């Protein structure tokens, strides 16, 4: 099942990239000299994240959380006799 909601009640502060990604010529890997790109700060509330950004003069923008659209699906639906697409193995 992939419908879990673990670790979804947090607000994340991510830094904007300071330099574009580059392609490493020998192996073709994507690389960057910007180490702040790897940092994610997690907060339990939006207010804490905004206060931290303001205290440390970090430019920020808030992206509101998106409510997931959950579809109720049951295993028995696979074996209904009136399916539009027949169940085959």
PDB file of N, CA and C in Angstrom:
ATOM      1  N   UNK A   1       0.848  -1.177   0.000  1.00  0.00           N
ATOM      2  CA  UNK A   1       0.000   0.000   0.000  1.00  0.00           C
ATOM      3  C   UNK A   1       0.895   1.243   0.000  1.00  0.00           C
ATOM      4  N   UNK A   2       0.535   2.212  -0.775  1.00  0.00           N
ATOM      5  CA  UNK A   2       1.289   3.453  -0.820  1.00  0.00           C
ATOM      6  C   UNK A   2       0.410   4.640  -0.476  1.00  0.00           C
ATOM      7  N   UNK A   3      -0.553   4.430   0.387  1.00  0.00           N
ATOM      8  CA  UNK A   3      -1.461   5.512   0.742  1.00  0.00           C
ATOM      9  C   UNK A   3      -1.174   6.047   2.130  1.00  0.00           C
ATOM     10  N   UNK A   4       0.008   5.818   2.646  1.00  0.00           N
ATOM     11  CA  UNK A   4       0.347   6.265   3.983  1.00  0.00           C
ATOM     12  C   UNK A   4       0.519   7.767   4.070  1.00  0.00           C
ATOM     13  N   UNK A   5       0.459   8.282   5.281  1.00  0.00           N
ATOM     14  CA  UNK A   5       0.604   9.717   5.491  1.00  0.00           C
ATOM     15  C   UNK A   5       1.731  10.029   6.469  1.00  0.00           C
ATOM     16  N   UNK A   6       2.704   9.143   6.592  1.00  0.00           N
ATOM     17  CA  UNK A   6       3.820   9.367   7.508  1.00  0.00           C
ATOM     18  C   UNK A   6       4.661  10.545   7.038  1.00  0.00           C
ATOM     19  N   UNK A   7       5.157  11.320   7.966  1.00  0.00           N
ATOM     20  CA  UNK A   7       6.039  12.462   7.709  1.00  0.00           C
ATOM     21  C   UNK A   7       5.405  13.507   6.793  1.00  0.00           C
ATOM     22  N   UNK A   8       4.085  13.662   6.854  1.00  0.00           N
ATOM     23  CA  UNK A   8       3.431  14.650   6.002  1.00  0.00           C
ATOM     24  C   UNK A   8       2.986  15.875   6.770  1.00  0.00           C
ATOM     25  N   UNK A   9       3.100  15.892   8.073  1.00  0.00           N
ATOM     26  CA  UNK A   9       2.646  17.026   8.857  1.00  0.00           C
ATOM     27  C   UNK A   9       3.739  18.031   9.137  1.00  0.00           C
ATOM     28  N   UNK A  10       4.765  18.092   8.302  1.00  0.00           N
ATOM     29  CA  UNK A  10       5.901  18.977   8.544  1.00  0.00           C
ATOM     30  C   UNK A  10       5.994  20.026   7.439  1.00  0.00           C
ATOM     31  N   UNK A  11       6.607  21.137   7.785  1.00  0.00           N
ATOM     32  CA  UNK A  11       6.911  22.183   6.813  1.00  0.00           C
ATOM     33  C   UNK A  11       8.408  22.137   6.552  1.00  0.00           C
ATOM     34  N   UNK A  12       8.791  22.262   5.288  1.00  0.00           N
ATOM     35  CA  UNK A  12      10.196  22.126   4.891  1.00  0.00           C
ATOM     36  C   UNK A  12      10.698  23.439   4.310  1.00  0.00           C
ATOM     37  N   UNK A  13      11.854  23.881   4.782  1.00  0.00           N
ATOM     38  CA  UNK A  13      12.511  25.053   4.226  1.00  0.00           C
ATOM     39  C   UNK A  13      13.641  24.554   3.338  1.00  0.00           C
ATOM     40  N   UNK A  14      13.561  24.862   2.060  1.00  0.00           N
ATOM     41  CA  UNK A  14      14.599  24.481   1.094  1.00  0.00           C
ATOM     42  C   UNK A  14      15.203  25.749   0.519  1.00  0.00           C
ATOM     43  N   UNK A  15      16.489  25.731   0.281  1.00  0.00           N
ATOM     44  CA  UNK A  15      17.179  26.889  -0.264  1.00  0.00           C
ATOM     45  C   UNK A  15      17.076  26.896  -1.784  1.00  0.00           C
ATOM     46  N   UNK A  16      16.956  28.090  -2.339  1.00  0.00           N
ATOM     47  CA  UNK A  16      16.949  28.238  -3.792  1.00  0.00           C
ATOM     48  C   UNK A  16      18.358  27.939  -4.314  1.00  0.00           C
ATOM     49  N   UNK A  17      18.467  27.315  -5.471  1.00  0.00           N
ATOM     50  CA  UNK A  17      19.795  27.040  -6.036  1.00  0.00           C
ATOM     51  C   UNK A  17      20.522  28.337  -6.382  1.00  0.00           C
ATOM     52  N   UNK A  18      21.793  28.412  -6.012  1.00  0.00           N
ATOM     53  CA  UNK A  18      22.603  29.591  -6.323  1.00  0.00           C
ATOM     54  C   UNK A  18      23.318  29.446  -7.656  1.00  0.00           C
ATOM     55  N   UNK A  19      23.530  28.225  -8.091  1.00  0.00           N
ATOM     56  CA  UNK A  19      24.195  27.998  -9.368  1.00  0.00           C
ATOM     57  C   UNK A  19      23.484  26.851 -10.083  1.00  0.00           C
ATOM     58  N   UNK A  20      23.493  26.881 -11.401  1.00  0.00           N
ATOM     59  CA  UNK A  20      22.814  25.815 -12.141  1.00  0.00           C
ATOM     60  C   UNK A  20      23.572  24.492 -12.063  1.00  0.00           C
ATOM     61  N   UNK A  21      22.867  23.416 -12.295  1.00  0.00           N
ATOM     62  CA  UNK A  21      23.513  22.109 -12.346  1.00  0.00           C
ATOM     63  C   UNK A  21      24.384  22.021 -13.596  1.00  0.00           C
ATOM     64  N   UNK A  22      25.487  21.318 -13.466  1.00  0.00           N
ATOM     65  CA  UNK A  22      26.377  21.121 -14.599  1.00  0.00           C
ATOM     66  C   UNK A  22      26.578  19.637 -14.846  1.00  0.00           C
ATOM     67  N   UNK A  23      27.036  19.300 -16.017  1.00  0.00           N
ATOM     68  CA  UNK A  23      27.291  17.900 -16.349  1.00  0.00           C
ATOM     69  C   UNK A  23      28.782  17.647 -16.243  1.00  0.00           C
ATOM     70  N   UNK A  24      29.129  16.672 -15.428  1.00  0.00           N
ATOM     71  CA  UNK A  24      30.521  16.305 -15.220  1.00  0.00           C
ATOM     72  C   UNK A  24      31.000  15.614 -16.494  1.00  0.00           C
ATOM     73  N   UNK A  25      32.071  16.095 -17.119  1.00  0.00           N
ATOM     74  CA  UNK A  25      32.435  15.617 -18.456  1.00  0.00           C
ATOM     75  C   UNK A  25      32.902  14.158 -18.530  1.00  0.00           C
ATOM     76  N   UNK A  26      33.542  13.645 -17.509  1.00  0.00           N
ATOM     77  CA  UNK A  26      34.085  12.292 -17.594  1.00  0.00           C
ATOM     78  C   UNK A  26      32.992  11.229 -17.537  1.00  0.00           C
ATOM     79  N   UNK A  27      32.127  11.288 -16.524  1.00  0.00           N
ATOM     80  CA  UNK A  27      31.109  10.249 -16.339  1.00  0.00           C
ATOM     81  C   UNK A  27      29.713  10.683 -16.762  1.00  0.00           C
ATOM     82  N   UNK A  28      29.509  11.984 -16.961  1.00  0.00           N
ATOM     83  CA  UNK A  28      28.202  12.459 -17.369  1.00  0.00           C
ATOM     84  C   UNK A  28      27.230  12.670 -16.226  1.00  0.00           C
ATOM     85  N   UNK A  29      27.728  12.643 -14.985  1.00  0.00           N
ATOM     86  CA  UNK A  29      26.874  12.870 -13.821  1.00  0.00           C
ATOM     87  C   UNK A  29      26.471  14.337 -13.749  1.00  0.00           C
ATOM     88  N   UNK A  30      25.322  14.585 -13.155  1.00  0.00           N
ATOM     89  CA  UNK A  30      24.897  15.949 -12.897  1.00  0.00           C
ATOM     90  C   UNK A  30      25.534  16.382 -11.587  1.00  0.00           C
ATOM     91  N   UNK A  31      26.170  17.558 -11.593  1.00  0.00           N
ATOM     92  CA  UNK A  31      26.860  18.003 -10.387  1.00  0.00           C
ATOM     93  C   UNK A  31      26.625  19.493 -10.169  1.00  0.00           C
ATOM     94  N   UNK A  32      26.950  19.926  -8.958  1.00  0.00           N
ATOM     95  CA  UNK A  32      26.826  21.327  -8.615  1.00  0.00           C
ATOM     96  C   UNK A  32      27.810  21.641  -7.499  1.00  0.00           C
ATOM     97  N   UNK A  33      28.274  22.870  -7.465  1.00  0.00           N
ATOM     98  CA  UNK A  33      29.169  23.286  -6.382  1.00  0.00           C
ATOM     99  C   UNK A  33      28.363  23.929  -5.251  1.00  0.00           C
ATOM    100  N   UNK A  34      27.057  23.995  -5.400  1.00  0.00           N
ATOM    101  CA  UNK A  34      26.177  24.605  -4.408  1.00  0.00           C
ATOM    102  C   UNK A  34      25.773  23.569  -3.367  1.00  0.00           C
ATOM    103  N   UNK A  35      26.360  23.646  -2.169  1.00  0.00           N
ATOM    104  CA  UNK A  35      26.065  22.657  -1.128  1.00  0.00           C
ATOM    105  C   UNK A  35      24.763  22.955  -0.391  1.00  0.00           C
ATOM    106  N   UNK A  36      24.270  24.190  -0.473  1.00  0.00           N
ATOM    107  CA  UNK A  36      23.002  24.515   0.189  1.00  0.00           C
ATOM    108  C   UNK A  36      21.823  23.814  -0.478  1.00  0.00           C
ATOM    109  N   UNK A  37      21.995  23.369  -1.689  1.00  0.00           N
ATOM    110  CA  UNK A  37      20.944  22.651  -2.402  1.00  0.00           C
ATOM    111  C   UNK A  37      20.566  21.345  -1.679  1.00  0.00           C
ATOM    112  N   UNK A  38      21.488  20.797  -0.914  1.00  0.00           N
ATOM    113  CA  UNK A  38      21.268  19.530  -0.226  1.00  0.00           C
ATOM    114  C   UNK A  38      20.579  19.691   1.128  1.00  0.00           C
ATOM    115  N   UNK A  39      20.447  20.923   1.620  1.00  0.00           N
ATOM    116  CA  UNK A  39      19.933  21.168   2.960  1.00  0.00           C
ATOM    117  C   UNK A  39      18.418  21.321   2.944  1.00  0.00           C
ATOM    118  N   UNK A  40      17.743  20.599   3.833  1.00  0.00           N
ATOM    119  CA  UNK A  40      16.312  20.741   4.056  1.00  0.00           C
ATOM    120  C   UNK A  40      16.097  20.866   5.557  1.00  0.00           C
ATOM    121  N   UNK A  41      15.479  21.962   5.977  1.00  0.00           N
ATOM    122  CA  UNK A  41      15.169  22.163   7.387  1.00  0.00           C
ATOM    123  C   UNK A  41      13.691  21.867   7.588  1.00  0.00           C
ATOM    124  N   UNK A  42      13.365  21.043   8.580  1.00  0.00           N
ATOM    125  CA  UNK A  42      11.981  20.645   8.824  1.00  0.00           C
ATOM    126  C   UNK A  42      11.458  21.317  10.084  1.00  0.00           C
ATOM    127  N   UNK A  43      10.205  21.795   9.981  1.00  0.00           N
ATOM    128  CA  UNK A  43       9.550  22.474  11.093  1.00  0.00           C
ATOM    129  C   UNK A  43       8.177  21.862  11.296  1.00  0.00           C
ATOM    130  N   UNK A  44       7.680  21.930  12.516  1.00  0.00           N
ATOM    131  CA  UNK A  44       6.373  21.342  12.808  1.00  0.00           C
ATOM    132  C   UNK A  44       5.220  22.264  12.442  1.00  0.00           C
ATOM    133  N   UNK A  45       5.487  23.552  12.218  1.00  0.00           N
ATOM    134  CA  UNK A  45       4.412  24.455  11.818  1.00  0.00           C
ATOM    135  C   UNK A  45       4.923  25.474  10.802  1.00  0.00           C
ATOM    136  N   UNK A  46       3.995  26.058  10.066  1.00  0.00           N
ATOM    137  CA  UNK A  46       4.340  27.056   9.059  1.00  0.00           C
ATOM    138  C   UNK A  46       4.921  28.299   9.732  1.00  0.00           C
ATOM    139  N   UNK A  47       4.366  28.680  10.886  1.00  0.00           N
ATOM    140  CA  UNK A  47       4.828  29.869  11.586  1.00  0.00           C
ATOM    141  C   UNK A  47       6.283  29.741  12.035  1.00  0.00           C
ATOM    142  N   UNK A  48       6.663  28.543  12.494  1.00  0.00           N
ATOM    143  CA  UNK A  48       8.058  28.311  12.900  1.00  0.00           C
ATOM    144  C   UNK A  48       8.997  28.458  11.712  1.00  0.00           C
ATOM    145  N   UNK A  49       8.616  27.926  10.563  1.00  0.00           N
ATOM    146  CA  UNK A  49       9.455  28.003   9.364  1.00  0.00           C
ATOM    147  C   UNK A  49       9.618  29.446   8.906  1.00  0.00           C
ATOM    148  N   UNK A  50       8.530  30.218   8.917  1.00  0.00           N
ATOM    149  CA  UNK A  50       8.597  31.617   8.497  1.00  0.00           C
ATOM    150  C   UNK A  50       9.433  32.429   9.481  1.00  0.00           C
ATOM    151  N   UNK A  51       9.250  32.188  10.780  1.00  0.00           N
ATOM    152  CA  UNK A  51      10.028  32.905  11.794  1.00  0.00           C
ATOM    153  C   UNK A  51      11.518  32.628  11.641  1.00  0.00           C
ATOM    154  N   UNK A  52      11.885  31.387  11.372  1.00  0.00           N
ATOM    155  CA  UNK A  52      13.298  31.034  11.187  1.00  0.00           C
ATOM    156  C   UNK A  52      13.873  31.761   9.965  1.00  0.00           C
ATOM    157  N   UNK A  53      13.117  31.747   8.865  1.00  0.00           N
ATOM    158  CA  UNK A  53      13.596  32.400   7.642  1.00  0.00           C
ATOM    159  C   UNK A  53      13.762  33.900   7.860  1.00  0.00           C
ATOM    160  N   UNK A  54      12.824  34.519   8.548  1.00  0.00           N
ATOM    161  CA  UNK A  54      12.916  35.956   8.799  1.00  0.00           C
ATOM    162  C   UNK A  54      14.056  36.279   9.759  1.00  0.00           C
ATOM    163  N   UNK A  55      14.247  35.459  10.778  1.00  0.00           N
ATOM    164  CA  UNK A  55      15.306  35.697  11.755  1.00  0.00           C
ATOM    165  C   UNK A  55      16.688  35.650  11.115  1.00  0.00           C
ATOM    166  N   UNK A  56      16.858  34.734  10.149  1.00  0.00           N
ATOM    167  CA  UNK A  56      18.158  34.566   9.499  1.00  0.00           C
ATOM    168  C   UNK A  56      18.232  35.254   8.141  1.00  0.00           C
ATOM    169  N   UNK A  57      17.285  36.136   7.846  1.00  0.00           N
ATOM    170  CA  UNK A  57      17.255  36.926   6.596  1.00  0.00           C
ATOM    171  C   UNK A  57      17.318  36.046   5.358  1.00  0.00           C
ATOM    172  N   UNK A  58      16.569  34.972   5.382  1.00  0.00           N
ATOM    173  CA  UNK A  58      16.502  34.069   4.233  1.00  0.00           C
ATOM    174  C   UNK A  58      15.263  34.435   3.417  1.00  0.00           C
ATOM    175  N   UNK A  59      15.435  34.817   2.157  1.00  0.00           N
ATOM    176  CA  UNK A  59      14.241  35.096   1.351  1.00  0.00           C
ATOM    177  C   UNK A  59      13.409  33.822   1.228  1.00  0.00           C
ATOM    178  N   UNK A  60      12.103  33.958   1.354  1.00  0.00           N
ATOM    179  CA  UNK A  60      11.261  32.757   1.359  1.00  0.00           C
ATOM    180  C   UNK A  60       9.936  33.004   0.649  1.00  0.00           C
ATOM    181  N   UNK A  61       9.320  31.914   0.244  1.00  0.00           N
ATOM    182  CA  UNK A  61       7.955  31.948  -0.264  1.00  0.00           C
ATOM    183  C   UNK A  61       7.271  30.707   0.294  1.00  0.00           C
ATOM    184  N   UNK A  62       5.998  30.825   0.579  1.00  0.00           N
ATOM    185  CA  UNK A  62       5.251  29.742   1.200  1.00  0.00           C
ATOM    186  C   UNK A  62       4.387  29.069   0.136  1.00  0.00           C
ATOM    187  N   UNK A  63       4.537  27.772   0.022  1.00  0.00           N
ATOM    188  CA  UNK A  63       3.676  26.979  -0.853  1.00  0.00           C
ATOM    189  C   UNK A  63       2.729  26.211   0.053  1.00  0.00           C
ATOM    190  N   UNK A  64       1.456  26.507  -0.052  1.00  0.00           N
ATOM    191  CA  UNK A  64       0.462  25.873   0.795  1.00  0.00           C
ATOM    192  C   UNK A  64       0.376  24.381   0.492  1.00  0.00           C
ATOM    193  N   UNK A  65       0.005  23.621   1.505  1.00  0.00           N
ATOM    194  CA  UNK A  65      -0.104  22.187   1.333  1.00  0.00           C
ATOM    195  C   UNK A  65      -1.271  21.849   0.417  1.00  0.00           C
ATOM    196  N   UNK A  66      -1.128  20.776  -0.312  1.00  0.00           N
ATOM    197  CA  UNK A  66      -2.167  20.320  -1.231  1.00  0.00           C
ATOM    198  C   UNK A  66      -2.824  19.089  -0.635  1.00  0.00           C
ATOM    199  N   UNK A  67      -4.118  19.139  -0.524  1.00  0.00           N
ATOM    200  CA  UNK A  67      -4.851  17.997   0.008  1.00  0.00           C
ATOM    201  C   UNK A  67      -4.894  16.899  -1.054  1.00  0.00           C
ATOM    202  N   UNK A  68      -4.511  15.678  -0.685  1.00  0.00           N
ATOM    203  CA  UNK A  68      -4.535  14.595  -1.669  1.00  0.00           C
ATOM    204  C   UNK A  68      -5.965  14.184  -1.998  1.00  0.00           C
ATOM    205  N   UNK A  69      -6.174  13.862  -3.254  1.00  0.00           N
ATOM    206  CA  UNK A  69      -7.468  13.345  -3.676  1.00  0.00           C
ATOM    207  C   UNK A  69      -7.405  11.827  -3.559  1.00  0.00           C
ATOM    208  N   UNK A  70      -8.081  11.315  -2.589  1.00  0.00           N
ATOM    209  CA  UNK A  70      -8.050   9.866  -2.338  1.00  0.00           C
ATOM    210  C   UNK A  70      -9.232   9.202  -3.008  1.00  0.00           C
ATOM    211  N   UNK A  71      -8.968   8.127  -3.669  1.00  0.00           N
ATOM    212  CA  UNK A  71      -9.991   7.358  -4.341  1.00  0.00           C
ATOM    213  C   UNK A  71     -10.195   6.063  -3.578  1.00  0.00           C
ATOM    214  N   UNK A  72     -11.411   5.781  -3.195  1.00  0.00           N
ATOM    215  CA  UNK A  72     -11.693   4.552  -2.480  1.00  0.00           C
ATOM    216  C   UNK A  72     -11.696   3.393  -3.476  1.00  0.00           C
ATOM    217  N   UNK A  73     -10.820   2.453  -3.261  1.00  0.00           N
ATOM    218  CA  UNK A  73     -10.701   1.296  -4.132  1.00  0.00           C
ATOM    219  C   UNK A  73     -10.661   0.060  -3.248  1.00  0.00           C
ATOM    220  N   UNK A  74     -11.381  -0.936  -3.647  1.00  0.00           N
ATOM    221  CA  UNK A  74     -11.339  -2.178  -2.889  1.00  0.00           C
ATOM    222  C   UNK A  74     -10.809  -3.293  -3.781  1.00  0.00           C
ATOM    223  N   UNK A  75     -10.261  -4.282  -3.154  1.00  0.00           N
ATOM    224  CA  UNK A  75      -9.709  -5.418  -3.892  1.00  0.00           C
ATOM    225  C   UNK A  75     -10.807  -6.159  -4.640  1.00  0.00           C
ATOM    226  N   UNK A  76     -12.010  -6.170  -4.100  1.00  0.00           N
ATOM    227  CA  UNK A  76     -13.123  -6.875  -4.733  1.00  0.00           C
ATOM    228  C   UNK A  76     -13.507  -6.266  -6.081  1.00  0.00           C
ATOM    229  N   UNK A  77     -13.156  -4.989  -6.291  1.00  0.00           N
ATOM    230  CA  UNK A  77     -13.466  -4.345  -7.571  1.00  0.00           C
ATOM    231  C   UNK A  77     -12.804  -5.083  -8.744  1.00  0.00           C
ATOM    232  N   UNK A  78     -11.694  -5.743  -8.494  1.00  0.00           N
ATOM    233  CA  UNK A  78     -10.998  -6.459  -9.566  1.00  0.00           C
ATOM    234  C   UNK A  78     -11.819  -7.620 -10.116  1.00  0.00           C
ATOM    235  N   UNK A  79     -12.750  -8.136  -9.334  1.00  0.00           N
ATOM    236  CA  UNK A  79     -13.456  -9.357  -9.718  1.00  0.00           C
ATOM    237  C   UNK A  79     -14.943  -9.122  -9.980  1.00  0.00           C
ATOM    238  N   UNK A  80     -15.359  -7.870 -10.156  1.00  0.00           N
ATOM    239  CA  UNK A  80     -16.766  -7.593 -10.443  1.00  0.00           C
ATOM    240  C   UNK A  80     -17.149  -8.178 -11.794  1.00  0.00           C
ATOM    241  N   UNK A  81     -18.371  -8.662 -11.904  1.00  0.00           N
ATOM    242  CA  UNK A  81     -18.812  -9.274 -13.158  1.00  0.00           C
ATOM    243  C   UNK A  81     -19.133  -8.222 -14.217  1.00  0.00           C
ATOM    244  N   UNK A  82     -19.399  -6.982 -13.832  1.00  0.00           N
ATOM    245  CA  UNK A  82     -19.765  -5.953 -14.804  1.00  0.00           C
ATOM    246  C   UNK A  82     -18.611  -4.987 -15.103  1.00  0.00           C
ATOM    247  N   UNK A  83     -17.379  -5.480 -15.022  1.00  0.00           N
ATOM    248  CA  UNK A  83     -16.227  -4.641 -15.336  1.00  0.00           C
ATOM    249  C   UNK A  83     -16.237  -4.264 -16.797  1.00  0.00           C
ATOM    250  N   UNK A  84     -15.760  -3.060 -17.109  1.00  0.00           N
ATOM    251  CA  UNK A  84     -15.663  -2.623 -18.502  1.00  0.00           C
ATOM    252  C   UNK A  84     -14.526  -3.364 -19.207  1.00  0.00           C
ATOM    253  N   UNK A  85     -13.467  -3.607 -18.467  1.00  0.00           N
ATOM    254  CA  UNK A  85     -12.328  -4.354 -19.005  1.00  0.00           C
ATOM    255  C   UNK A  85     -12.269  -5.668 -18.235  1.00  0.00           C
ATOM    256  N   UNK A  86     -12.388  -6.806 -18.909  1.00  0.00           N
ATOM    257  CA  UNK A  86     -12.402  -8.089 -18.179  1.00  0.00           C
ATOM    258  C   UNK A  86     -11.079  -8.356 -17.490  1.00  0.00           C
ATOM    259  N   UNK A  87     -11.163  -9.025 -16.351  1.00  0.00           N
ATOM    260  CA  UNK A  87      -9.998  -9.402 -15.571  1.00  0.00           C
ATOM    261  C   UNK A  87      -9.375 -10.638 -16.199  1.00  0.00           C
ATOM    262  N   UNK A  88      -8.131 -10.549 -16.553  1.00  0.00           N
ATOM    263  CA  UNK A  88      -7.416 -11.708 -17.124  1.00  0.00           C
ATOM    264  C   UNK A  88      -6.070 -11.837 -16.449  1.00  0.00           C
ATOM    265  N   UNK A  89      -5.508 -13.003 -16.537  1.00  0.00           N
ATOM    266  CA  UNK A  89      -4.187 -13.243 -15.955  1.00  0.00           C
ATOM    267  C   UNK A  89      -3.149 -13.310 -17.042  1.00  0.00           C
TER     268      UNK A  89
END
